[in-house]
């Protein structure tokens, strides 16, 4: 059984379809990585706030006290 030759147009259409599928795959992967980045940033922020609160508790400093200290330092 003889194979039929594909025209240049058919070959280009197939390559275009493959390229579009690859782009969609990478966009999906990129979206997943962006979501992971956002989750890590959120978790890091929460950890930093917890560390700050622990330091404030150890030094017996209130939020208002910290505000006042920062305000004084910036003048």
C-alpha atoms as a PDB file:
ATOM      1  CA  UNK A   1       0.000   0.000   0.000  1.00  0.00           C
ATOM      2  CA  UNK A   2       1.540   3.279  -1.110  1.00  0.00           C
ATOM      3  CA  UNK A   3       1.691   6.219   1.257  1.00  0.00           C
ATOM      4  CA  UNK A   4       0.253   9.491   0.102  1.00  0.00           C
ATOM      5  CA  UNK A   5       2.547  12.475   0.232  1.00  0.00           C
ATOM      6  CA  UNK A   6       1.473  15.361   2.366  1.00  0.00           C
ATOM      7  CA  UNK A   7       1.521  18.757   0.792  1.00  0.00           C
ATOM      8  CA  UNK A   8       3.619  21.595   2.143  1.00  0.00           C
ATOM      9  CA  UNK A   9       0.427  23.175   3.406  1.00  0.00           C
ATOM     10  CA  UNK A  10      -0.517  20.051   5.369  1.00  0.00           C
ATOM     11  CA  UNK A  11       2.972  19.819   6.848  1.00  0.00           C
ATOM     12  CA  UNK A  12       2.869  23.465   7.937  1.00  0.00           C
ATOM     13  CA  UNK A  13      -0.602  23.063   9.411  1.00  0.00           C
ATOM     14  CA  UNK A  14       0.620  20.068  11.407  1.00  0.00           C
ATOM     15  CA  UNK A  15       3.685  21.979  12.643  1.00  0.00           C
ATOM     16  CA  UNK A  16       1.469  24.922  13.583  1.00  0.00           C
ATOM     17  CA  UNK A  17      -0.852  22.646  15.550  1.00  0.00           C
ATOM     18  CA  UNK A  18       2.125  21.077  17.354  1.00  0.00           C
ATOM     19  CA  UNK A  19       3.497  24.525  18.195  1.00  0.00           C
ATOM     20  CA  UNK A  20       0.121  25.672  19.554  1.00  0.00           C
ATOM     21  CA  UNK A  21      -0.149  22.535  21.691  1.00  0.00           C
ATOM     22  CA  UNK A  22       3.373  23.066  23.040  1.00  0.00           C
ATOM     23  CA  UNK A  23       2.572  26.703  23.878  1.00  0.00           C
ATOM     24  CA  UNK A  24      -0.594  25.652  25.717  1.00  0.00           C
ATOM     25  CA  UNK A  25       1.372  23.041  27.662  1.00  0.00           C
ATOM     26  CA  UNK A  26       4.063  25.540  28.693  1.00  0.00           C
ATOM     27  CA  UNK A  27       1.484  28.196  29.610  1.00  0.00           C
ATOM     28  CA  UNK A  28      -0.243  25.688  31.885  1.00  0.00           C
ATOM     29  CA  UNK A  29       3.101  24.786  33.456  1.00  0.00           C
ATOM     30  CA  UNK A  30       3.993  28.474  33.864  1.00  0.00           C
ATOM     31  CA  UNK A  31       0.664  29.142  35.574  1.00  0.00           C
ATOM     32  CA  UNK A  32       1.338  26.288  37.996  1.00  0.00           C
ATOM     33  CA  UNK A  33       4.795  27.675  38.804  1.00  0.00           C
ATOM     34  CA  UNK A  34       3.363  31.181  39.336  1.00  0.00           C
ATOM     35  CA  UNK A  35       0.806  29.759  41.772  1.00  0.00           C
ATOM     36  CA  UNK A  36       3.570  27.906  43.606  1.00  0.00           C
ATOM     37  CA  UNK A  37       5.614  31.129  43.779  1.00  0.00           C
ATOM     38  CA  UNK A  38       2.656  33.036  45.201  1.00  0.00           C
ATOM     39  CA  UNK A  39       2.054  30.330  47.836  1.00  0.00           C
ATOM     40  CA  UNK A  40       5.731  30.409  48.870  1.00  0.00           C
ATOM     41  CA  UNK A  41       5.693  34.207  49.138  1.00  0.00           C
ATOM     42  CA  UNK A  42       2.550  34.086  51.271  1.00  0.00           C
ATOM     43  CA  UNK A  43       4.026  31.420  53.542  1.00  0.00           C
ATOM     44  CA  UNK A  44       7.298  33.356  53.867  1.00  0.00           C
ATOM     45  CA  UNK A  45       5.405  36.536  54.745  1.00  0.00           C
ATOM     46  CA  UNK A  46       3.451  34.702  57.467  1.00  0.00           C
ATOM     47  CA  UNK A  47       6.677  33.237  58.853  1.00  0.00           C
ATOM     48  CA  UNK A  48       8.337  36.659  58.944  1.00  0.00           C
ATOM     49  CA  UNK A  49       5.333  38.143  60.763  1.00  0.00           C
ATOM     50  CA  UNK A  50       5.431  35.311  63.274  1.00  0.00           C
ATOM     51  CA  UNK A  51       9.152  35.916  63.884  1.00  0.00           C
ATOM     52  CA  UNK A  52       8.504  39.629  64.358  1.00  0.00           C
ATOM     53  CA  UNK A  53       5.671  38.977  66.805  1.00  0.00           C
ATOM     54  CA  UNK A  54       7.898  36.562  68.771  1.00  0.00           C
ATOM     55  CA  UNK A  55      10.653  39.176  68.973  1.00  0.00           C
ATOM     56  CA  UNK A  56       8.149  41.788  70.122  1.00  0.00           C
ATOM     57  CA  UNK A  57       6.802  39.439  72.798  1.00  0.00           C
ATOM     58  CA  UNK A  58      10.328  38.625  74.024  1.00  0.00           C
ATOM     59  CA  UNK A  59      11.082  42.328  74.339  1.00  0.00           C
ATOM     60  CA  UNK A  60       7.624  43.093  75.756  1.00  0.00           C
ATOM     61  CA  UNK A  61       6.892  45.573  72.949  1.00  0.00           C
ATOM     62  CA  UNK A  62       3.332  46.235  71.804  1.00  0.00           C
ATOM     63  CA  UNK A  63       2.310  47.037  68.249  1.00  0.00           C
ATOM     64  CA  UNK A  64       1.743  50.633  69.295  1.00  0.00           C
ATOM     65  CA  UNK A  65       5.176  50.701  70.920  1.00  0.00           C
ATOM     66  CA  UNK A  66       6.767  49.442  67.710  1.00  0.00           C
ATOM     67  CA  UNK A  67       4.885  52.051  65.690  1.00  0.00           C
ATOM     68  CA  UNK A  68       6.187  54.774  67.980  1.00  0.00           C
ATOM     69  CA  UNK A  69       9.762  53.459  67.739  1.00  0.00           C
ATOM     70  CA  UNK A  70       9.626  53.415  63.938  1.00  0.00           C
ATOM     71  CA  UNK A  71       8.073  56.881  63.851  1.00  0.00           C
ATOM     72  CA  UNK A  72      10.841  58.242  66.084  1.00  0.00           C
ATOM     73  CA  UNK A  73      13.566  56.600  63.998  1.00  0.00           C
ATOM     74  CA  UNK A  74      12.249  58.070  60.774  1.00  0.00           C
ATOM     75  CA  UNK A  75      12.351  61.662  62.035  1.00  0.00           C
END
